[in-house]
Amino acid sequence: MQLYEPSNIIGKAEKDLYNTEKFTGKSQLDKEDFLTLLVVQLQNQDPLNPMDDKQFTSELAQFSSLEQLTQINQGVASLGETTAHQEMVNAASYIGKTIRAVGDNLSIHADGSVSTMYYKLADKAEKVYMNIFDRNGNIVRTVELGAQAAGEHEFQWDGKDWKGKALPEGVYYLAMAAEGEDGSAILTQTEVAGMVSAVQYSGGYTYLRMTDGRTVAFQYVKEVVGTQAAPGGENTGGSGDTGGESAD
């Protein structure tokens, strides 16, 4: 049974090639297919009107370019794997150490204590809002802080929802917003700290998993602040102005 119904436009070489079972179901040609096509063209060319030298040279040049691009792609892929492996090895040296990194997750520990969140304000803020979400994306608390100076601050959540009820152990997430006196948005950045217990690789990135279950991207680590854990399983490392919670 004929696999392909040729048109009057396609030449004999292409007809023979597409009617070969070898290419059934393929959407792209690789370098072997390209070379096969060239050979078929040579075998079926008109002896009285052979392929022009310039055309033949041009097709060979295309094949050479294809080969080079294939080798480059393979080299890049190999380099990426090597880099990822080396990053994993480097990240493993952080196990057992307390790090500080850009992040937005909080953790309520088994004893009810809550991990510390650090934040930076690019300018003086008139209002600062801390919106806390559970792992399902449900908002459980909004904490409004008073006016804050530019610079680094420390935020300590009490682990309670908007009704004042203590929330269960687990990982929570914080979305921060700040505005100036004129109501304009102010650039913010949140950071977390905790002791590293494991390293994992996912989606092309290396992550550090902390003892309380939180994870941070290895590339966002800013500081190794110590090797001794504080109560609650983490060393908060460093100090700053504590953002007290006001009534919701």
C-alpha atoms as a PDB file:
ATOM      1  CA  MET A   1       0.000   0.000   0.000  1.00  0.00           C
ATOM      2  CA  GLN A   2       1.363   3.410  -0.934  1.00  0.00           C
ATOM      3  CA  LEU A   3       2.168   5.456   2.147  1.00  0.00           C
ATOM      4  CA  TYR A   4       2.175   8.811   0.429  1.00  0.00           C
ATOM      5  CA  GLU A   5       0.358  10.190  -2.582  1.00  0.00           C
ATOM      6  CA  PRO A   6       2.873  12.438  -4.382  1.00  0.00           C
ATOM      7  CA  SER A   7       1.917  15.617  -6.142  1.00  0.00           C
ATOM      8  CA  ASN A   8       3.183  16.779  -9.519  1.00  0.00           C
ATOM      9  CA  ILE A   9       5.379  19.320  -7.809  1.00  0.00           C
ATOM     10  CA  ILE A  10       7.622  16.998  -5.783  1.00  0.00           C
ATOM     11  CA  GLY A  11      10.525  15.424  -7.677  1.00  0.00           C
ATOM     12  CA  LYS A  12      11.144  11.689  -8.050  1.00  0.00           C
ATOM     13  CA  ALA A  13      13.772  11.607  -5.285  1.00  0.00           C
ATOM     14  CA  GLU A  14      11.392  13.162  -2.777  1.00  0.00           C
ATOM     15  CA  LYS A  15       8.588  10.821  -3.912  1.00  0.00           C
ATOM     16  CA  ASP A  16      10.774   7.767  -3.364  1.00  0.00           C
ATOM     17  CA  LEU A  17      11.867   9.090   0.020  1.00  0.00           C
ATOM     18  CA  TYR A  18       8.367   9.868   1.336  1.00  0.00           C
ATOM     19  CA  ASN A  19       6.997   6.567   0.062  1.00  0.00           C
ATOM     20  CA  THR A  20       9.555   4.695   2.159  1.00  0.00           C
ATOM     21  CA  GLU A  21       8.238   3.163   5.385  1.00  0.00           C
ATOM     22  CA  LYS A  22      11.311   4.495   7.184  1.00  0.00           C
ATOM     23  CA  PHE A  23       9.799   7.997   7.400  1.00  0.00           C
ATOM     24  CA  THR A  24       6.262   7.057   8.389  1.00  0.00           C
ATOM     25  CA  GLY A  25       5.062   9.195  11.290  1.00  0.00           C
ATOM     26  CA  LYS A  26       8.130  11.480  11.454  1.00  0.00           C
ATOM     27  CA  SER A  27       7.514  15.207  11.751  1.00  0.00           C
ATOM     28  CA  GLN A  28      11.176  16.292  11.508  1.00  0.00           C
ATOM     29  CA  LEU A  29      14.213  15.113   9.550  1.00  0.00           C
ATOM     30  CA  ASP A  30      17.496  14.475  11.318  1.00  0.00           C
ATOM     31  CA  LYS A  31      20.971  14.454   9.811  1.00  0.00           C
ATOM     32  CA  GLU A  32      20.708  10.798   8.704  1.00  0.00           C
ATOM     33  CA  ASP A  33      17.471  11.572   6.877  1.00  0.00           C
ATOM     34  CA  PHE A  34      19.082  14.587   5.229  1.00  0.00           C
ATOM     35  CA  LEU A  35      21.981  12.487   3.959  1.00  0.00           C
ATOM     36  CA  THR A  36      19.612   9.764   2.720  1.00  0.00           C
ATOM     37  CA  LEU A  37      17.613  12.347   0.807  1.00  0.00           C
ATOM     38  CA  LEU A  38      20.780  13.682  -0.833  1.00  0.00           C
ATOM     39  CA  VAL A  39      21.865  10.184  -1.866  1.00  0.00           C
ATOM     40  CA  VAL A  40      18.420   9.428  -3.325  1.00  0.00           C
ATOM     41  CA  GLN A  41      18.577  12.662  -5.291  1.00  0.00           C
ATOM     42  CA  LEU A  42      21.948  11.690  -6.750  1.00  0.00           C
ATOM     43  CA  GLN A  43      20.752   8.193  -7.640  1.00  0.00           C
ATOM     44  CA  ASN A  44      17.684   9.484  -9.453  1.00  0.00           C
ATOM     45  CA  GLN A  45      19.078  12.546 -11.204  1.00  0.00           C
ATOM     46  CA  ASP A  46      18.831  12.854 -14.965  1.00  0.00           C
ATOM     47  CA  PRO A  47      22.162  11.706 -16.474  1.00  0.00           C
ATOM     48  CA  LEU A  48      21.687  14.237 -19.264  1.00  0.00           C
ATOM     49  CA  ASN A  49      20.992  17.023 -16.801  1.00  0.00           C
ATOM     50  CA  PRO A  50      22.919  16.251 -13.573  1.00  0.00           C
ATOM     51  CA  MET A  51      22.758  18.339 -10.418  1.00  0.00           C
ATOM     52  CA  ASP A  52      24.605  21.613 -10.713  1.00  0.00           C
ATOM     53  CA  ASP A  53      27.949  21.729  -8.859  1.00  0.00           C
ATOM     54  CA  LYS A  54      26.909  24.847  -6.971  1.00  0.00           C
ATOM     55  CA  GLN A  55      23.628  23.257  -5.888  1.00  0.00           C
ATOM     56  CA  PHE A  56      25.433  20.117  -4.729  1.00  0.00           C
ATOM     57  CA  THR A  57      27.976  22.182  -2.786  1.00  0.00           C
ATOM     58  CA  SER A  58      25.163  24.189  -1.230  1.00  0.00           C
ATOM     59  CA  GLU A  59      23.372  21.048  -0.021  1.00  0.00           C
ATOM     60  CA  LEU A  60      26.604  19.657   1.429  1.00  0.00           C
ATOM     61  CA  ALA A  61      27.105  22.957   3.247  1.00  0.00           C
ATOM     62  CA  GLN A  62      23.601  22.635   4.704  1.00  0.00           C
ATOM     63  CA  PHE A  63      24.401  19.130   5.886  1.00  0.00           C
ATOM     64  CA  SER A  64      27.631  20.363   7.494  1.00  0.00           C
ATOM     65  CA  SER A  65      25.741  23.152   9.280  1.00  0.00           C
ATOM     66  CA  LEU A  66      23.143  20.676  10.516  1.00  0.00           C
ATOM     67  CA  GLU A  67      25.882  18.402  11.870  1.00  0.00           C
ATOM     68  CA  GLN A  68      27.565  21.296  13.674  1.00  0.00           C
ATOM     69  CA  LEU A  69      24.289  22.488  15.222  1.00  0.00           C
ATOM     70  CA  THR A  70      23.535  18.953  16.407  1.00  0.00           C
ATOM     71  CA  GLN A  71      26.929  18.710  18.074  1.00  0.00           C
ATOM     72  CA  ILE A  72      26.483  22.136  19.684  1.00  0.00           C
ATOM     73  CA  ASN A  73      23.078  21.164  21.078  1.00  0.00           C
ATOM     74  CA  GLN A  74      24.497  17.940  22.483  1.00  0.00           C
ATOM     75  CA  GLY A  75      27.378  19.871  24.030  1.00  0.00           C
ATOM     76  CA  VAL A  76      25.070  22.428  25.632  1.00  0.00           C
ATOM     77  CA  ALA A  77      22.862  19.651  27.050  1.00  0.00           C
ATOM     78  CA  SER A  78      25.901  17.877  28.471  1.00  0.00           C
ATOM     79  CA  LEU A  79      27.205  21.118  29.980  1.00  0.00           C
ATOM     80  CA  GLY A  80      23.823  21.764  31.602  1.00  0.00           C
ATOM     81  CA  GLU A  81      23.822  18.318  33.204  1.00  0.00           C
ATOM     82  CA  THR A  82      27.370  18.811  34.476  1.00  0.00           C
ATOM     83  CA  THR A  83      26.520  22.245  35.906  1.00  0.00           C
ATOM     84  CA  ALA A  84      23.403  20.890  37.635  1.00  0.00           C
ATOM     85  CA  HIS A  85      25.412  18.043  39.157  1.00  0.00           C
ATOM     86  CA  GLN A  86      28.088  20.430  40.404  1.00  0.00           C
ATOM     87  CA  GLU A  87      25.432  22.710  41.883  1.00  0.00           C
ATOM     88  CA  MET A  88      23.938  19.741  43.751  1.00  0.00           C
ATOM     89  CA  VAL A  89      27.372  18.899  45.160  1.00  0.00           C
ATOM     90  CA  ASN A  90      27.895  22.498  46.280  1.00  0.00           C
ATOM     91  CA  ALA A  91      24.423  22.698  47.819  1.00  0.00           C
ATOM     92  CA  ALA A  92      25.025  19.495  49.807  1.00  0.00           C
ATOM     93  CA  SER A  93      27.678  21.331  51.839  1.00  0.00           C
ATOM     94  CA  TYR A  94      24.874  23.479  53.295  1.00  0.00           C
ATOM     95  CA  ILE A  95      23.213  20.524  55.040  1.00  0.00           C
ATOM     96  CA  GLY A  96      23.260  21.050  58.805  1.00  0.00           C
ATOM     97  CA  LYS A  97      23.815  24.790  58.423  1.00  0.00           C
ATOM     98  CA  THR A  98      21.381  27.638  58.907  1.00  0.00           C
ATOM     99  CA  ILE A  99      20.967  29.815  55.847  1.00  0.00           C
ATOM    100  CA  ARG A 100      19.198  33.007  54.963  1.00  0.00           C
ATOM    101  CA  ALA A 101      17.619  33.334  51.541  1.00  0.00           C
ATOM    102  CA  VAL A 102      15.082  35.260  49.505  1.00  0.00           C
ATOM    103  CA  GLY A 103      11.750  33.526  50.104  1.00  0.00           C
ATOM    104  CA  ASP A 104       8.117  33.921  51.119  1.00  0.00           C
ATOM    105  CA  ASN A 105       7.281  30.867  53.240  1.00  0.00           C
ATOM    106  CA  LEU A 106       6.608  30.628  56.960  1.00  0.00           C
ATOM    107  CA  SER A 107       6.356  27.534  59.116  1.00  0.00           C
ATOM    108  CA  ILE A 108       4.358  26.777  62.240  1.00  0.00           C
ATOM    109  CA  HIS A 109       6.323  24.198  64.224  1.00  0.00           C
ATOM    110  CA  ALA A 110       4.998  21.341  66.330  1.00  0.00           C
ATOM    111  CA  ASP A 111       5.527  23.352  69.518  1.00  0.00           C
ATOM    112  CA  GLY A 112       3.477  26.265  68.137  1.00  0.00           C
ATOM    113  CA  SER A 113       6.429  28.544  67.429  1.00  0.00           C
ATOM    114  CA  VAL A 114       6.619  30.266  64.051  1.00  0.00           C
ATOM    115  CA  SER A 115       9.614  30.837  61.799  1.00  0.00           C
ATOM    116  CA  THR A 116      10.828  34.405  61.463  1.00  0.00           C
ATOM    117  CA  MET A 117      10.344  36.433  58.300  1.00  0.00           C
ATOM    118  CA  TYR A 118      12.633  39.294  57.327  1.00  0.00           C
ATOM    119  CA  TYR A 119      11.698  42.054  54.924  1.00  0.00           C
ATOM    120  CA  LYS A 120      13.308  45.063  53.296  1.00  0.00           C
ATOM    121  CA  LEU A 121      11.711  48.347  52.271  1.00  0.00           C
ATOM    122  CA  ALA A 122      13.266  50.446  49.538  1.00  0.00           C
ATOM    123  CA  ASP A 123      11.725  53.630  51.002  1.00  0.00           C
ATOM    124  CA  LYS A 124       9.848  54.816  54.064  1.00  0.00           C
ATOM    125  CA  ALA A 125       6.399  53.247  54.169  1.00  0.00           C
ATOM    126  CA  GLU A 126       3.213  54.685  55.611  1.00  0.00           C
ATOM    127  CA  LYS A 127       1.451  51.315  55.602  1.00  0.00           C
ATOM    128  CA  VAL A 128       2.711  47.749  55.398  1.00  0.00           C
ATOM    129  CA  TYR A 129       0.429  44.738  54.892  1.00  0.00           C
ATOM    130  CA  MET A 130       1.289  41.087  55.507  1.00  0.00           C
ATOM    131  CA  ASN A 131      -1.148  38.689  53.840  1.00  0.00           C
ATOM    132  CA  ILE A 132      -0.684  35.107  55.006  1.00  0.00           C
ATOM    133  CA  PHE A 133      -1.940  32.125  52.985  1.00  0.00           C
ATOM    134  CA  ASP A 134      -2.115  28.402  53.644  1.00  0.00           C
ATOM    135  CA  ARG A 135      -0.694  25.829  51.227  1.00  0.00           C
ATOM    136  CA  ASN A 136      -4.002  25.781  49.306  1.00  0.00           C
ATOM    137  CA  GLY A 137      -3.863  29.505  48.590  1.00  0.00           C
ATOM    138  CA  ASN A 138      -6.542  30.480  51.117  1.00  0.00           C
ATOM    139  CA  ILE A 139      -5.852  33.701  52.987  1.00  0.00           C
ATOM    140  CA  VAL A 140      -5.864  33.063  56.741  1.00  0.00           C
ATOM    141  CA  ARG A 141      -4.685  36.384  58.112  1.00  0.00           C
ATOM    142  CA  THR A 142      -3.953  39.961  57.117  1.00  0.00           C
ATOM    143  CA  VAL A 143      -1.648  41.842  59.442  1.00  0.00           C
ATOM    144  CA  GLU A 144      -1.388  45.603  59.078  1.00  0.00           C
ATOM    145  CA  LEU A 145       1.790  47.173  60.423  1.00  0.00           C
ATOM    146  CA  GLY A 146       2.290  50.818  61.196  1.00  0.00           C
ATOM    147  CA  ALA A 147       4.657  53.200  59.476  1.00  0.00           C
ATOM    148  CA  GLN A 148       8.028  51.627  58.749  1.00  0.00           C
ATOM    149  CA  ALA A 149      11.384  53.195  57.968  1.00  0.00           C
ATOM    150  CA  ALA A 150      13.353  52.213  54.901  1.00  0.00           C
ATOM    151  CA  GLY A 151      15.714  49.296  55.410  1.00  0.00           C
ATOM    152  CA  GLU A 152      15.550  45.838  56.947  1.00  0.00           C
ATOM    153  CA  HIS A 153      12.948  44.689  59.442  1.00  0.00           C
ATOM    154  CA  GLU A 154      11.857  41.501  61.179  1.00  0.00           C
ATOM    155  CA  PHE A 155       8.321  40.130  61.209  1.00  0.00           C
ATOM    156  CA  GLN A 156       7.158  37.553  63.746  1.00  0.00           C
ATOM    157  CA  TRP A 157       3.711  36.074  63.166  1.00  0.00           C
ATOM    158  CA  ASP A 158       1.870  34.551  66.132  1.00  0.00           C
ATOM    159  CA  GLY A 159       0.534  31.637  64.080  1.00  0.00           C
ATOM    160  CA  LYS A 160      -3.130  32.615  64.501  1.00  0.00           C
ATOM    161  CA  ASP A 161      -5.847  33.279  61.952  1.00  0.00           C
ATOM    162  CA  TRP A 162      -8.039  36.379  61.724  1.00  0.00           C
ATOM    163  CA  LYS A 163     -10.316  35.004  64.477  1.00  0.00           C
ATOM    164  CA  GLY A 164      -7.406  34.552  66.870  1.00  0.00           C
ATOM    165  CA  LYS A 165      -7.462  30.764  66.535  1.00  0.00           C
ATOM    166  CA  ALA A 166      -4.128  28.936  66.528  1.00  0.00           C
ATOM    167  CA  LEU A 167      -3.492  27.357  63.146  1.00  0.00           C
ATOM    168  CA  PRO A 168      -2.126  23.824  62.644  1.00  0.00           C
ATOM    169  CA  GLU A 169       1.494  22.928  62.079  1.00  0.00           C
ATOM    170  CA  GLY A 170       2.684  23.313  58.502  1.00  0.00           C
ATOM    171  CA  VAL A 171       4.023  25.631  55.832  1.00  0.00           C
ATOM    172  CA  TYR A 172       2.329  28.969  55.069  1.00  0.00           C
ATOM    173  CA  TYR A 173       3.095  31.718  52.586  1.00  0.00           C
ATOM    174  CA  LEU A 174       3.317  35.477  52.887  1.00  0.00           C
ATOM    175  CA  ALA A 175       2.539  38.174  50.329  1.00  0.00           C
ATOM    176  CA  MET A 176       3.703  41.616  51.358  1.00  0.00           C
ATOM    177  CA  ALA A 177       2.588  45.062  50.187  1.00  0.00           C
ATOM    178  CA  ALA A 178       3.753  48.516  51.231  1.00  0.00           C
ATOM    179  CA  GLU A 179       2.754  52.035  50.248  1.00  0.00           C
ATOM    180  CA  GLY A 180       4.168  55.488  50.831  1.00  0.00           C
ATOM    181  CA  GLU A 181       2.494  58.638  52.139  1.00  0.00           C
ATOM    182  CA  ASP A 182       1.106  59.397  48.684  1.00  0.00           C
ATOM    183  CA  GLY A 183      -0.271  55.879  48.311  1.00  0.00           C
ATOM    184  CA  SER A 184       2.353  54.791  45.810  1.00  0.00           C
ATOM    185  CA  ALA A 185       3.694  51.237  45.993  1.00  0.00           C
ATOM    186  CA  ILE A 186       7.084  50.666  47.596  1.00  0.00           C
ATOM    187  CA  LEU A 187       9.504  47.978  46.497  1.00  0.00           C
ATOM    188  CA  THR A 188       9.794  45.165  49.054  1.00  0.00           C
ATOM    189  CA  GLN A 189      11.720  41.936  49.476  1.00  0.00           C
ATOM    190  CA  THR A 190      11.109  39.104  51.921  1.00  0.00           C
ATOM    191  CA  GLU A 191      13.695  36.665  53.268  1.00  0.00           C
ATOM    192  CA  VAL A 192      13.574  33.507  55.344  1.00  0.00           C
ATOM    193  CA  ALA A 193      16.021  31.632  57.556  1.00  0.00           C
ATOM    194  CA  GLY A 194      16.252  28.025  58.628  1.00  0.00           C
ATOM    195  CA  MET A 195      18.469  24.971  59.006  1.00  0.00           C
ATOM    196  CA  VAL A 196      19.046  22.914  55.845  1.00  0.00           C
ATOM    197  CA  SER A 197      18.235  19.211  56.111  1.00  0.00           C
ATOM    198  CA  ALA A 198      18.311  18.058  52.473  1.00  0.00           C
ATOM    199  CA  VAL A 199      18.972  19.040  48.873  1.00  0.00           C
ATOM    200  CA  GLN A 200      16.609  18.292  46.002  1.00  0.00           C
ATOM    201  CA  TYR A 201      16.588  18.876  42.239  1.00  0.00           C
ATOM    202  CA  SER A 202      13.344  19.694  40.448  1.00  0.00           C
ATOM    203  CA  GLY A 203      12.373  21.399  37.215  1.00  0.00           C
ATOM    204  CA  GLY A 204      15.955  22.310  36.373  1.00  0.00           C
ATOM    205  CA  TYR A 205      16.649  24.002  39.714  1.00  0.00           C
ATOM    206  CA  THR A 206      18.343  22.962  42.939  1.00  0.00           C
ATOM    207  CA  TYR A 207      16.413  23.518  46.175  1.00  0.00           C
ATOM    208  CA  LEU A 208      17.390  23.416  49.834  1.00  0.00           C
ATOM    209  CA  ARG A 209      14.824  21.791  52.116  1.00  0.00           C
ATOM    210  CA  MET A 210      14.840  22.996  55.704  1.00  0.00           C
ATOM    211  CA  THR A 211      14.099  20.983  58.818  1.00  0.00           C
ATOM    212  CA  ASP A 212      10.559  22.371  59.063  1.00  0.00           C
ATOM    213  CA  GLY A 213       9.628  21.405  55.494  1.00  0.00           C
ATOM    214  CA  ARG A 214      10.130  24.741  53.776  1.00  0.00           C
ATOM    215  CA  THR A 215      12.211  24.959  50.607  1.00  0.00           C
ATOM    216  CA  VAL A 216      14.223  27.751  49.020  1.00  0.00           C
ATOM    217  CA  ALA A 217      15.997  27.900  45.672  1.00  0.00           C
ATOM    218  CA  PHE A 218      19.740  27.403  46.063  1.00  0.00           C
ATOM    219  CA  GLN A 219      20.419  30.403  43.829  1.00  0.00           C
ATOM    220  CA  TYR A 220      18.545  32.685  46.264  1.00  0.00           C
ATOM    221  CA  VAL A 221      20.736  31.904  49.287  1.00  0.00           C
ATOM    222  CA  LYS A 222      22.286  35.140  50.514  1.00  0.00           C
ATOM    223  CA  GLU A 223      24.028  34.137  53.720  1.00  0.00           C
ATOM    224  CA  VAL A 224      25.064  31.209  55.877  1.00  0.00           C
ATOM    225  CA  VAL A 225      24.313  32.604  59.323  1.00  0.00           C
ATOM    226  CA  GLY A 226      25.285  29.724  61.597  1.00  0.00           C
ATOM    227  CA  THR A 227      25.271  26.016  62.376  1.00  0.00           C
ATOM    228  CA  GLN A 228      23.446  26.079  65.722  1.00  0.00           C
ATOM    229  CA  ALA A 229      19.659  25.817  65.657  1.00  0.00           C
ATOM    230  CA  ALA A 230      17.490  28.092  67.740  1.00  0.00           C
ATOM    231  CA  PRO A 231      14.277  26.957  69.469  1.00  0.00           C
ATOM    232  CA  GLY A 232      11.749  25.796  66.897  1.00  0.00           C
ATOM    233  CA  GLY A 233      14.415  24.178  64.724  1.00  0.00           C
ATOM    234  CA  GLU A 234      15.985  27.247  63.190  1.00  0.00           C
ATOM    235  CA  ASN A 235      18.591  29.886  63.776  1.00  0.00           C
ATOM    236  CA  THR A 236      17.012  33.196  62.934  1.00  0.00           C
ATOM    237  CA  GLY A 237      20.420  34.783  62.499  1.00  0.00           C
ATOM    238  CA  GLY A 238      20.788  38.513  62.653  1.00  0.00           C
ATOM    239  CA  SER A 239      18.458  41.023  64.197  1.00  0.00           C
ATOM    240  CA  GLY A 240      16.247  43.819  63.057  1.00  0.00           C
ATOM    241  CA  ASP A 241      13.239  45.867  63.976  1.00  0.00           C
ATOM    242  CA  THR A 242      10.390  43.553  64.926  1.00  0.00           C
ATOM    243  CA  GLY A 243       7.211  44.375  63.076  1.00  0.00           C
ATOM    244  CA  GLY A 244       4.589  44.086  65.797  1.00  0.00           C
ATOM    245  CA  GLU A 245       1.133  42.881  64.796  1.00  0.00           C
ATOM    246  CA  SER A 246      -1.791  45.212  65.130  1.00  0.00           C
ATOM    247  CA  ALA A 247      -5.453  44.310  65.362  1.00  0.00           C
ATOM    248  CA  ASP A 248      -6.909  43.009  62.095  1.00  0.00           C
END
